[in-house]
């Protein structure tokens, strides 16, 4: 799915006026990426090798790709998606679209937590649109999203997979700023994730939450915990030994002694959940699962994005 980010003269002039004058009250940002694959000759032994690379990028507004990197060799292209304002205010709308050509391998992450500010009556939104061609593998592994008290947020994502394409992504949401002892007392969050393979829906995940929702308080829901996280892999049937190994993994009890967690497998989807009090515990738990899962769905060991070490 591509989004038209071209601007006419009036829009350009309007943006120039905003730059010279006061900043805009709302940011509408689009970032479109395309990753491609090529065979390159190895000069040492003349054997061809694979290379994935960023073939196209286009952006409008404050959403950019900081840099494309190859920390695990030419086969996998890493990228860091940056939102320069540092936080998302009411009325802001972010769209990230990425397409992968056949045999391409790519991983995207973020440099820090996403901050979603008090809405002041206007919702903010983020939409993801990822399209994966045959024998491609894409990983979307952002850091957590923090919903400030009063935030009104709409998250949506559509992932289209062709044939044997593989997709892995996690999502960590913090309700309130834990470091400031802030609770999420007003606002709402809507989530809508849909994954399709060959135009057939294979996974749908939706949530409509407010601080007063029964799901926020119920022991069958978040049980008043401030962190909710999900890790999904769409790569076909999960081998039993992989699933059993994942079931042995536990979150760090030093960070969260009473976290709820678990994994399950459906014919097309692996799913892991974390509900607890620590975004750090959720991420560490998912990273441990990733170490087990990645050799299965991607055929390679984990190499952590460099930005996570800063």
C-alpha atoms as a PDB file:
ATOM      1  CA  UNK A   1       0.000   0.000   0.000  1.00  0.00           C
ATOM      2  CA  UNK A   2       1.490   3.338  -1.072  1.00  0.00           C
ATOM      3  CA  UNK A   3       0.498   6.826  -0.048  1.00  0.00           C
ATOM      4  CA  UNK A   4       0.766   9.822  -2.339  1.00  0.00           C
ATOM      5  CA  UNK A   5       3.206  12.216  -0.704  1.00  0.00           C
ATOM      6  CA  UNK A   6       3.578  14.657  -3.590  1.00  0.00           C
ATOM      7  CA  UNK A   7       2.772  18.300  -2.819  1.00  0.00           C
ATOM      8  CA  UNK A   8       1.422  21.001  -5.058  1.00  0.00           C
ATOM      9  CA  UNK A   9       2.739  24.608  -5.048  1.00  0.00           C
ATOM     10  CA  UNK A  10       0.132  25.783  -2.566  1.00  0.00           C
ATOM     11  CA  UNK A  11       1.127  23.101  -0.086  1.00  0.00           C
ATOM     12  CA  UNK A  12       4.819  23.893  -0.509  1.00  0.00           C
ATOM     13  CA  UNK A  13       4.199  27.609   0.031  1.00  0.00           C
ATOM     14  CA  UNK A  14       2.085  26.832   3.052  1.00  0.00           C
ATOM     15  CA  UNK A  15       4.839  24.688   4.537  1.00  0.00           C
ATOM     16  CA  UNK A  16       7.398  27.427   3.876  1.00  0.00           C
ATOM     17  CA  UNK A  17       5.184  29.938   5.684  1.00  0.00           C
ATOM     18  CA  UNK A  18       4.857  27.580   8.640  1.00  0.00           C
ATOM     19  CA  UNK A  19       8.619  27.115   8.797  1.00  0.00           C
ATOM     20  CA  UNK A  20       9.277  30.866   8.839  1.00  0.00           C
ATOM     21  CA  UNK A  21       6.454  31.614  11.246  1.00  0.00           C
ATOM     22  CA  UNK A  22       5.001  29.669  14.135  1.00  0.00           C
ATOM     23  CA  UNK A  23       5.184  25.846  14.021  1.00  0.00           C
ATOM     24  CA  UNK A  24       2.082  23.995  12.802  1.00  0.00           C
ATOM     25  CA  UNK A  25      -0.482  22.956  15.371  1.00  0.00           C
ATOM     26  CA  UNK A  26      -0.721  19.507  13.798  1.00  0.00           C
ATOM     27  CA  UNK A  27       1.780  17.274  12.029  1.00  0.00           C
ATOM     28  CA  UNK A  28       0.700  14.976   9.221  1.00  0.00           C
ATOM     29  CA  UNK A  29       3.674  12.793   8.337  1.00  0.00           C
ATOM     30  CA  UNK A  30       4.199  10.040   5.757  1.00  0.00           C
ATOM     31  CA  UNK A  31       7.235   7.834   5.225  1.00  0.00           C
ATOM     32  CA  UNK A  32       7.269   5.364   2.334  1.00  0.00           C
ATOM     33  CA  UNK A  33      10.069   2.812   1.930  1.00  0.00           C
ATOM     34  CA  UNK A  34      10.879   0.087  -0.574  1.00  0.00           C
ATOM     35  CA  UNK A  35      13.481  -2.594   0.040  1.00  0.00           C
ATOM     36  CA  UNK A  36      14.979  -4.625  -2.798  1.00  0.00           C
ATOM     37  CA  UNK A  37      17.292  -7.581  -3.291  1.00  0.00           C
ATOM     38  CA  UNK A  38      20.179  -8.281  -5.610  1.00  0.00           C
ATOM     39  CA  UNK A  39      22.794 -10.968  -6.199  1.00  0.00           C
ATOM     40  CA  UNK A  40      26.363  -9.678  -6.071  1.00  0.00           C
ATOM     41  CA  UNK A  41      29.550 -11.493  -7.032  1.00  0.00           C
ATOM     42  CA  UNK A  42      31.970 -12.381  -4.267  1.00  0.00           C
ATOM     43  CA  UNK A  43      35.396 -11.323  -5.516  1.00  0.00           C
ATOM     44  CA  UNK A  44      37.184 -13.924  -3.379  1.00  0.00           C
ATOM     45  CA  UNK A  45      35.507 -17.016  -4.782  1.00  0.00           C
ATOM     46  CA  UNK A  46      33.287 -15.645  -7.537  1.00  0.00           C
ATOM     47  CA  UNK A  47      30.238 -17.122  -5.806  1.00  0.00           C
ATOM     48  CA  UNK A  48      27.174 -14.877  -5.880  1.00  0.00           C
ATOM     49  CA  UNK A  49      25.878 -13.578  -2.563  1.00  0.00           C
ATOM     50  CA  UNK A  50      22.660 -11.867  -1.578  1.00  0.00           C
ATOM     51  CA  UNK A  51      22.220  -8.233  -0.658  1.00  0.00           C
ATOM     52  CA  UNK A  52      19.127  -6.460   0.622  1.00  0.00           C
ATOM     53  CA  UNK A  53      19.107  -2.685   0.380  1.00  0.00           C
ATOM     54  CA  UNK A  54      16.914   0.392   0.629  1.00  0.00           C
ATOM     55  CA  UNK A  55      15.872   1.073  -2.965  1.00  0.00           C
ATOM     56  CA  UNK A  56      13.457   3.961  -2.403  1.00  0.00           C
ATOM     57  CA  UNK A  57      12.366   6.345   0.323  1.00  0.00           C
ATOM     58  CA  UNK A  58      10.046   9.303   0.306  1.00  0.00           C
ATOM     59  CA  UNK A  59       8.761  11.354   3.196  1.00  0.00           C
ATOM     60  CA  UNK A  60       6.508  14.270   3.938  1.00  0.00           C
ATOM     61  CA  UNK A  61       6.504  15.863   7.356  1.00  0.00           C
ATOM     62  CA  UNK A  62       8.491  14.810  10.416  1.00  0.00           C
ATOM     63  CA  UNK A  63       8.885  11.068   9.908  1.00  0.00           C
ATOM     64  CA  UNK A  64      12.180   9.925   8.409  1.00  0.00           C
ATOM     65  CA  UNK A  65      14.527   7.002   8.070  1.00  0.00           C
ATOM     66  CA  UNK A  66      17.683   7.940   9.941  1.00  0.00           C
ATOM     67  CA  UNK A  67      19.951   5.529   8.110  1.00  0.00           C
ATOM     68  CA  UNK A  68      20.058   2.078   6.539  1.00  0.00           C
ATOM     69  CA  UNK A  69      22.658  -0.262   8.016  1.00  0.00           C
ATOM     70  CA  UNK A  70      23.984  -3.805   7.550  1.00  0.00           C
ATOM     71  CA  UNK A  71      25.225  -4.872  11.006  1.00  0.00           C
ATOM     72  CA  UNK A  72      24.750  -8.582  10.225  1.00  0.00           C
ATOM     73  CA  UNK A  73      26.139  -8.527   6.696  1.00  0.00           C
ATOM     74  CA  UNK A  74      24.653  -7.589   3.325  1.00  0.00           C
ATOM     75  CA  UNK A  75      21.766 -10.070   3.483  1.00  0.00           C
ATOM     76  CA  UNK A  76      19.673  -8.018   5.958  1.00  0.00           C
ATOM     77  CA  UNK A  77      19.040  -4.267   5.774  1.00  0.00           C
ATOM     78  CA  UNK A  78      18.392  -2.562   9.113  1.00  0.00           C
ATOM     79  CA  UNK A  79      16.732   0.853   9.403  1.00  0.00           C
ATOM     80  CA  UNK A  80      15.884   3.301  12.190  1.00  0.00           C
ATOM     81  CA  UNK A  81      12.612   5.207  11.863  1.00  0.00           C
ATOM     82  CA  UNK A  82      12.777   8.606  13.556  1.00  0.00           C
ATOM     83  CA  UNK A  83      10.035  11.061  14.512  1.00  0.00           C
ATOM     84  CA  UNK A  84      12.099  14.238  15.111  1.00  0.00           C
ATOM     85  CA  UNK A  85       9.559  16.135  17.266  1.00  0.00           C
ATOM     86  CA  UNK A  86      10.039  13.417  19.884  1.00  0.00           C
ATOM     87  CA  UNK A  87       6.360  13.163  20.787  1.00  0.00           C
ATOM     88  CA  UNK A  88       2.966  12.958  19.116  1.00  0.00           C
ATOM     89  CA  UNK A  89       0.316  15.519  20.027  1.00  0.00           C
ATOM     90  CA  UNK A  90      -3.425  15.572  19.487  1.00  0.00           C
ATOM     91  CA  UNK A  91      -4.271  15.894  15.797  1.00  0.00           C
ATOM     92  CA  UNK A  92      -0.955  14.452  14.583  1.00  0.00           C
ATOM     93  CA  UNK A  93      -1.148  11.576  12.088  1.00  0.00           C
ATOM     94  CA  UNK A  94       1.787   9.316  11.209  1.00  0.00           C
ATOM     95  CA  UNK A  95       1.824   6.833   8.321  1.00  0.00           C
ATOM     96  CA  UNK A  96       4.646   4.384   7.696  1.00  0.00           C
ATOM     97  CA  UNK A  97       4.491   2.183   4.604  1.00  0.00           C
ATOM     98  CA  UNK A  98       7.101  -0.323   3.512  1.00  0.00           C
ATOM     99  CA  UNK A  99       7.242  -2.844   0.697  1.00  0.00           C
ATOM    100  CA  UNK A 100       9.707  -5.686   0.318  1.00  0.00           C
ATOM    101  CA  UNK A 101      10.558  -7.193  -3.030  1.00  0.00           C
ATOM    102  CA  UNK A 102      11.074 -10.926  -3.469  1.00  0.00           C
ATOM    103  CA  UNK A 103      13.889 -12.483  -1.342  1.00  0.00           C
ATOM    104  CA  UNK A 104      14.474  -9.247   0.569  1.00  0.00           C
ATOM    105  CA  UNK A 105      15.339  -9.190   4.279  1.00  0.00           C
ATOM    106  CA  UNK A 106      14.740  -6.025   6.323  1.00  0.00           C
ATOM    107  CA  UNK A 107      14.387  -4.935   9.951  1.00  0.00           C
ATOM    108  CA  UNK A 108      13.037  -1.608  11.201  1.00  0.00           C
ATOM    109  CA  UNK A 109      13.115  -0.232  14.721  1.00  0.00           C
ATOM    110  CA  UNK A 110      12.928   3.121  16.551  1.00  0.00           C
ATOM    111  CA  UNK A 111      15.585   5.000  18.557  1.00  0.00           C
ATOM    112  CA  UNK A 112      13.436   5.559  21.640  1.00  0.00           C
ATOM    113  CA  UNK A 113      10.017   5.240  23.167  1.00  0.00           C
ATOM    114  CA  UNK A 114       7.088   6.812  21.326  1.00  0.00           C
ATOM    115  CA  UNK A 115       5.440   9.513  23.446  1.00  0.00           C
ATOM    116  CA  UNK A 116       1.750  10.228  22.915  1.00  0.00           C
ATOM    117  CA  UNK A 117       0.729  13.474  24.584  1.00  0.00           C
ATOM    118  CA  UNK A 118      -2.526  14.714  26.050  1.00  0.00           C
ATOM    119  CA  UNK A 119      -4.978  15.045  23.191  1.00  0.00           C
ATOM    120  CA  UNK A 120      -6.771  18.318  24.022  1.00  0.00           C
ATOM    121  CA  UNK A 121      -9.845  16.903  22.336  1.00  0.00           C
ATOM    122  CA  UNK A 122      -8.113  15.714  19.155  1.00  0.00           C
ATOM    123  CA  UNK A 123      -6.996  12.124  18.556  1.00  0.00           C
ATOM    124  CA  UNK A 124      -3.541  11.240  17.281  1.00  0.00           C
ATOM    125  CA  UNK A 125      -2.955   8.283  14.984  1.00  0.00           C
ATOM    126  CA  UNK A 126      -0.357   5.918  13.588  1.00  0.00           C
ATOM    127  CA  UNK A 127      -0.985   3.709  10.573  1.00  0.00           C
ATOM    128  CA  UNK A 128       1.351   0.979   9.334  1.00  0.00           C
ATOM    129  CA  UNK A 129       1.073  -0.541   5.854  1.00  0.00           C
ATOM    130  CA  UNK A 130       3.528  -3.315   5.015  1.00  0.00           C
ATOM    131  CA  UNK A 131       3.564  -5.376   1.818  1.00  0.00           C
ATOM    132  CA  UNK A 132       5.823  -8.435   1.538  1.00  0.00           C
ATOM    133  CA  UNK A 133       6.601 -10.292  -1.699  1.00  0.00           C
ATOM    134  CA  UNK A 134       7.490 -13.986  -2.000  1.00  0.00           C
ATOM    135  CA  UNK A 135      10.352 -15.326   0.120  1.00  0.00           C
ATOM    136  CA  UNK A 136      10.833 -11.999   1.899  1.00  0.00           C
ATOM    137  CA  UNK A 137      11.248 -11.485   5.639  1.00  0.00           C
ATOM    138  CA  UNK A 138      10.399  -8.287   7.489  1.00  0.00           C
ATOM    139  CA  UNK A 139      10.796  -7.481  11.187  1.00  0.00           C
ATOM    140  CA  UNK A 140       9.144  -4.457  12.825  1.00  0.00           C
ATOM    141  CA  UNK A 141      10.597  -4.160  16.332  1.00  0.00           C
ATOM    142  CA  UNK A 142       9.964  -0.673  17.752  1.00  0.00           C
ATOM    143  CA  UNK A 143      10.531   0.432  21.317  1.00  0.00           C
ATOM    144  CA  UNK A 144       7.511   0.993  23.534  1.00  0.00           C
ATOM    145  CA  UNK A 145       4.711   3.536  23.080  1.00  0.00           C
ATOM    146  CA  UNK A 146       3.905   5.597  26.178  1.00  0.00           C
ATOM    147  CA  UNK A 147       0.391   7.026  26.461  1.00  0.00           C
ATOM    148  CA  UNK A 148       0.369  10.149  28.615  1.00  0.00           C
ATOM    149  CA  UNK A 149      -2.690  10.800  30.725  1.00  0.00           C
ATOM    150  CA  UNK A 150      -5.328  12.313  28.442  1.00  0.00           C
ATOM    151  CA  UNK A 151      -3.933  10.773  25.243  1.00  0.00           C
ATOM    152  CA  UNK A 152      -6.453   9.777  22.584  1.00  0.00           C
ATOM    153  CA  UNK A 153      -4.657   7.387  20.268  1.00  0.00           C
ATOM    154  CA  UNK A 154      -5.625   5.313  17.243  1.00  0.00           C
ATOM    155  CA  UNK A 155      -3.187   2.611  16.122  1.00  0.00           C
ATOM    156  CA  UNK A 156      -3.845   0.641  12.950  1.00  0.00           C
ATOM    157  CA  UNK A 157      -1.812  -1.715  10.811  1.00  0.00           C
ATOM    158  CA  UNK A 158      -2.379  -3.757   7.668  1.00  0.00           C
ATOM    159  CA  UNK A 159       0.156  -6.361   6.620  1.00  0.00           C
ATOM    160  CA  UNK A 160      -0.140  -8.081   3.234  1.00  0.00           C
ATOM    161  CA  UNK A 161       1.894 -11.250   2.747  1.00  0.00           C
ATOM    162  CA  UNK A 162       2.427 -13.122  -0.493  1.00  0.00           C
ATOM    163  CA  UNK A 163       3.019 -16.887  -0.547  1.00  0.00           C
ATOM    164  CA  UNK A 164       5.869 -17.728   1.838  1.00  0.00           C
ATOM    165  CA  UNK A 165       6.705 -14.212   3.085  1.00  0.00           C
ATOM    166  CA  UNK A 166       7.518 -13.995   6.801  1.00  0.00           C
ATOM    167  CA  UNK A 167       6.607 -11.209   9.191  1.00  0.00           C
ATOM    168  CA  UNK A 168       7.552 -10.634  12.847  1.00  0.00           C
ATOM    169  CA  UNK A 169       6.543  -7.655  14.979  1.00  0.00           C
ATOM    170  CA  UNK A 170       6.048  -6.659  18.567  1.00  0.00           C
ATOM    171  CA  UNK A 171       4.035  -3.895  20.169  1.00  0.00           C
ATOM    172  CA  UNK A 172       4.540  -2.626  23.741  1.00  0.00           C
ATOM    173  CA  UNK A 173       2.100  -0.072  25.165  1.00  0.00           C
ATOM    174  CA  UNK A 174       2.510   1.742  28.499  1.00  0.00           C
ATOM    175  CA  UNK A 175      -0.603   3.355  29.951  1.00  0.00           C
ATOM    176  CA  UNK A 176       0.761   6.397  31.772  1.00  0.00           C
ATOM    177  CA  UNK A 177       4.319   7.507  32.478  1.00  0.00           C
ATOM    178  CA  UNK A 178       5.624   5.015  34.998  1.00  0.00           C
ATOM    179  CA  UNK A 179       8.788   6.994  35.792  1.00  0.00           C
ATOM    180  CA  UNK A 180       6.631   9.948  36.908  1.00  0.00           C
ATOM    181  CA  UNK A 181       4.155   7.713  38.759  1.00  0.00           C
ATOM    182  CA  UNK A 182       1.501   8.949  36.345  1.00  0.00           C
ATOM    183  CA  UNK A 183      -1.656   6.920  35.838  1.00  0.00           C
ATOM    184  CA  UNK A 184      -3.682   6.872  32.631  1.00  0.00           C
ATOM    185  CA  UNK A 185      -6.956   8.313  33.913  1.00  0.00           C
ATOM    186  CA  UNK A 186      -8.518   9.955  30.856  1.00  0.00           C
ATOM    187  CA  UNK A 187      -8.402   9.337  27.106  1.00  0.00           C
ATOM    188  CA  UNK A 188      -8.736   6.252  24.929  1.00  0.00           C
ATOM    189  CA  UNK A 189      -6.764   3.853  22.769  1.00  0.00           C
ATOM    190  CA  UNK A 190      -8.057   2.061  19.676  1.00  0.00           C
ATOM    191  CA  UNK A 191      -5.984  -0.698  18.055  1.00  0.00           C
ATOM    192  CA  UNK A 192      -6.632  -2.551  14.826  1.00  0.00           C
ATOM    193  CA  UNK A 193      -4.111  -5.031  13.399  1.00  0.00           C
ATOM    194  CA  UNK A 194      -4.916  -7.130  10.341  1.00  0.00           C
ATOM    195  CA  UNK A 195      -2.575  -9.617   8.658  1.00  0.00           C
ATOM    196  CA  UNK A 196      -3.451 -11.084   5.254  1.00  0.00           C
ATOM    197  CA  UNK A 197      -1.784 -13.864   3.309  1.00  0.00           C
ATOM    198  CA  UNK A 198      -2.728 -14.071  -0.365  1.00  0.00           C
ATOM    199  CA  UNK A 199      -5.569 -11.614   0.427  1.00  0.00           C
ATOM    200  CA  UNK A 200      -6.990 -13.968   3.068  1.00  0.00           C
ATOM    201  CA  UNK A 201      -7.275 -12.670   6.624  1.00  0.00           C
ATOM    202  CA  UNK A 202      -5.162 -14.839   8.937  1.00  0.00           C
ATOM    203  CA  UNK A 203      -4.936 -12.635  12.053  1.00  0.00           C
ATOM    204  CA  UNK A 204      -7.078  -9.850  13.451  1.00  0.00           C
ATOM    205  CA  UNK A 205      -6.438  -8.049  16.700  1.00  0.00           C
ATOM    206  CA  UNK A 206      -8.568  -5.158  17.926  1.00  0.00           C
ATOM    207  CA  UNK A 207      -8.885  -3.209  21.154  1.00  0.00           C
ATOM    208  CA  UNK A 208     -11.010  -0.270  22.254  1.00  0.00           C
ATOM    209  CA  UNK A 209      -9.861   0.802  25.697  1.00  0.00           C
ATOM    210  CA  UNK A 210     -10.512   3.683  28.060  1.00  0.00           C
ATOM    211  CA  UNK A 211      -9.264   3.971  31.644  1.00  0.00           C
ATOM    212  CA  UNK A 212     -12.787   3.002  32.743  1.00  0.00           C
ATOM    213  CA  UNK A 213     -13.014  -0.092  30.519  1.00  0.00           C
ATOM    214  CA  UNK A 214     -13.746  -3.361  32.267  1.00  0.00           C
ATOM    215  CA  UNK A 215     -10.865  -4.885  30.298  1.00  0.00           C
ATOM    216  CA  UNK A 216      -8.452  -2.522  32.034  1.00  0.00           C
ATOM    217  CA  UNK A 217      -9.485  -3.766  35.489  1.00  0.00           C
ATOM    218  CA  UNK A 218     -10.644  -7.346  34.969  1.00  0.00           C
ATOM    219  CA  UNK A 219      -8.353 -10.250  35.892  1.00  0.00           C
ATOM    220  CA  UNK A 220      -9.203 -11.608  32.432  1.00  0.00           C
ATOM    221  CA  UNK A 221      -7.838  -8.372  30.950  1.00  0.00           C
ATOM    222  CA  UNK A 222      -5.045  -6.081  32.132  1.00  0.00           C
ATOM    223  CA  UNK A 223      -5.941  -6.438  35.840  1.00  0.00           C
ATOM    224  CA  UNK A 224      -4.975  -2.765  36.404  1.00  0.00           C
ATOM    225  CA  UNK A 225      -1.465  -3.361  35.023  1.00  0.00           C
ATOM    226  CA  UNK A 226       0.011  -0.421  33.097  1.00  0.00           C
ATOM    227  CA  UNK A 227       1.862  -2.392  30.383  1.00  0.00           C
ATOM    228  CA  UNK A 228       0.308  -4.514  27.643  1.00  0.00           C
ATOM    229  CA  UNK A 229       2.500  -6.127  24.976  1.00  0.00           C
ATOM    230  CA  UNK A 230       2.099  -8.472  22.019  1.00  0.00           C
ATOM    231  CA  UNK A 231       4.596 -10.310  19.797  1.00  0.00           C
ATOM    232  CA  UNK A 232       3.284 -11.824  16.561  1.00  0.00           C
ATOM    233  CA  UNK A 233       5.067 -13.936  13.955  1.00  0.00           C
ATOM    234  CA  UNK A 234       3.378 -14.898  10.675  1.00  0.00           C
ATOM    235  CA  UNK A 235       5.580 -17.598   9.184  1.00  0.00           C
ATOM    236  CA  UNK A 236       3.433 -20.689   8.913  1.00  0.00           C
ATOM    237  CA  UNK A 237       3.138 -23.555  11.361  1.00  0.00           C
ATOM    238  CA  UNK A 238       5.436 -23.306  14.390  1.00  0.00           C
ATOM    239  CA  UNK A 239       7.568 -26.445  14.970  1.00  0.00           C
ATOM    240  CA  UNK A 240       6.768 -28.120  18.278  1.00  0.00           C
ATOM    241  CA  UNK A 241      10.315 -27.853  19.626  1.00  0.00           C
ATOM    242  CA  UNK A 242      10.314 -24.094  18.971  1.00  0.00           C
ATOM    243  CA  UNK A 243       6.991 -23.654  20.741  1.00  0.00           C
ATOM    244  CA  UNK A 244       8.104 -25.727  23.732  1.00  0.00           C
ATOM    245  CA  UNK A 245      11.350 -23.771  24.030  1.00  0.00           C
ATOM    246  CA  UNK A 246       9.384 -20.505  24.013  1.00  0.00           C
ATOM    247  CA  UNK A 247       7.103 -21.774  26.770  1.00  0.00           C
ATOM    248  CA  UNK A 248      10.118 -22.187  29.054  1.00  0.00           C
ATOM    249  CA  UNK A 249      11.023 -18.491  28.793  1.00  0.00           C
ATOM    250  CA  UNK A 250       9.933 -16.217  31.662  1.00  0.00           C
ATOM    251  CA  UNK A 251      10.068 -12.438  32.171  1.00  0.00           C
ATOM    252  CA  UNK A 252      12.722 -11.033  34.506  1.00  0.00           C
ATOM    253  CA  UNK A 253      11.265 -11.394  38.011  1.00  0.00           C
ATOM    254  CA  UNK A 254      13.589  -8.659  39.272  1.00  0.00           C
ATOM    255  CA  UNK A 255      11.699  -6.220  37.050  1.00  0.00           C
ATOM    256  CA  UNK A 256       8.206  -7.672  37.394  1.00  0.00           C
ATOM    257  CA  UNK A 257       7.486 -10.466  39.836  1.00  0.00           C
ATOM    258  CA  UNK A 258       3.775 -10.828  39.022  1.00  0.00           C
ATOM    259  CA  UNK A 259       3.685 -10.452  35.239  1.00  0.00           C
ATOM    260  CA  UNK A 260       1.227 -12.463  33.181  1.00  0.00           C
ATOM    261  CA  UNK A 261       2.707 -13.974  30.047  1.00  0.00           C
ATOM    262  CA  UNK A 262       2.324 -16.836  27.625  1.00  0.00           C
ATOM    263  CA  UNK A 263       2.664 -18.080  24.070  1.00  0.00           C
ATOM    264  CA  UNK A 264       0.351 -19.857  21.697  1.00  0.00           C
ATOM    265  CA  UNK A 265       0.421 -21.113  18.119  1.00  0.00           C
ATOM    266  CA  UNK A 266      -2.241 -21.206  15.442  1.00  0.00           C
ATOM    267  CA  UNK A 267      -1.822 -22.737  11.975  1.00  0.00           C
ATOM    268  CA  UNK A 268      -0.526 -19.436  10.538  1.00  0.00           C
ATOM    269  CA  UNK A 269       0.487 -17.397  13.594  1.00  0.00           C
ATOM    270  CA  UNK A 270       2.743 -17.495  16.647  1.00  0.00           C
ATOM    271  CA  UNK A 271       1.582 -15.134  19.392  1.00  0.00           C
ATOM    272  CA  UNK A 272       3.173 -14.116  22.696  1.00  0.00           C
ATOM    273  CA  UNK A 273       1.634 -11.870  25.348  1.00  0.00           C
ATOM    274  CA  UNK A 274       2.882  -9.898  28.305  1.00  0.00           C
ATOM    275  CA  UNK A 275       0.769  -8.001  30.829  1.00  0.00           C
ATOM    276  CA  UNK A 276       2.551  -6.418  33.746  1.00  0.00           C
ATOM    277  CA  UNK A 277       4.239  -3.386  35.231  1.00  0.00           C
ATOM    278  CA  UNK A 278       7.466  -2.982  33.254  1.00  0.00           C
ATOM    279  CA  UNK A 279       8.062  -2.127  29.605  1.00  0.00           C
ATOM    280  CA  UNK A 280      11.679  -3.165  30.086  1.00  0.00           C
ATOM    281  CA  UNK A 281      10.594  -6.592  31.333  1.00  0.00           C
ATOM    282  CA  UNK A 282       8.271  -6.960  28.329  1.00  0.00           C
ATOM    283  CA  UNK A 283      11.051  -6.092  25.868  1.00  0.00           C
ATOM    284  CA  UNK A 284      13.560  -8.413  27.546  1.00  0.00           C
ATOM    285  CA  UNK A 285      10.998 -11.220  27.473  1.00  0.00           C
ATOM    286  CA  UNK A 286      10.323 -10.659  23.776  1.00  0.00           C
ATOM    287  CA  UNK A 287      14.057 -10.507  23.004  1.00  0.00           C
ATOM    288  CA  UNK A 288      14.524 -13.915  24.624  1.00  0.00           C
ATOM    289  CA  UNK A 289      11.691 -15.302  22.499  1.00  0.00           C
ATOM    290  CA  UNK A 290      13.209 -13.635  19.443  1.00  0.00           C
ATOM    291  CA  UNK A 291      16.470 -15.528  20.008  1.00  0.00           C
ATOM    292  CA  UNK A 292      14.544 -18.796  19.746  1.00  0.00           C
ATOM    293  CA  UNK A 293      12.168 -17.795  16.967  1.00  0.00           C
ATOM    294  CA  UNK A 294      14.458 -16.006  14.516  1.00  0.00           C
ATOM    295  CA  UNK A 295      16.546 -19.016  13.463  1.00  0.00           C
ATOM    296  CA  UNK A 296      13.240 -20.704  12.578  1.00  0.00           C
ATOM    297  CA  UNK A 297      11.464 -17.996  10.603  1.00  0.00           C
ATOM    298  CA  UNK A 298      14.488 -16.058   9.277  1.00  0.00           C
ATOM    299  CA  UNK A 299      17.179 -18.737   9.125  1.00  0.00           C
ATOM    300  CA  UNK A 300      19.676 -16.668  11.098  1.00  0.00           C
ATOM    301  CA  UNK A 301      20.710 -15.841  14.656  1.00  0.00           C
ATOM    302  CA  UNK A 302      19.654 -12.645  16.413  1.00  0.00           C
ATOM    303  CA  UNK A 303      21.716  -9.505  15.844  1.00  0.00           C
ATOM    304  CA  UNK A 304      20.396  -6.666  18.005  1.00  0.00           C
ATOM    305  CA  UNK A 305      19.986  -3.278  16.291  1.00  0.00           C
ATOM    306  CA  UNK A 306      22.868  -1.018  17.255  1.00  0.00           C
ATOM    307  CA  UNK A 307      20.537   1.783  18.312  1.00  0.00           C
ATOM    308  CA  UNK A 308      19.323  -0.321  21.249  1.00  0.00           C
ATOM    309  CA  UNK A 309      22.791  -0.055  22.800  1.00  0.00           C
ATOM    310  CA  UNK A 310      22.760   3.755  22.990  1.00  0.00           C
END
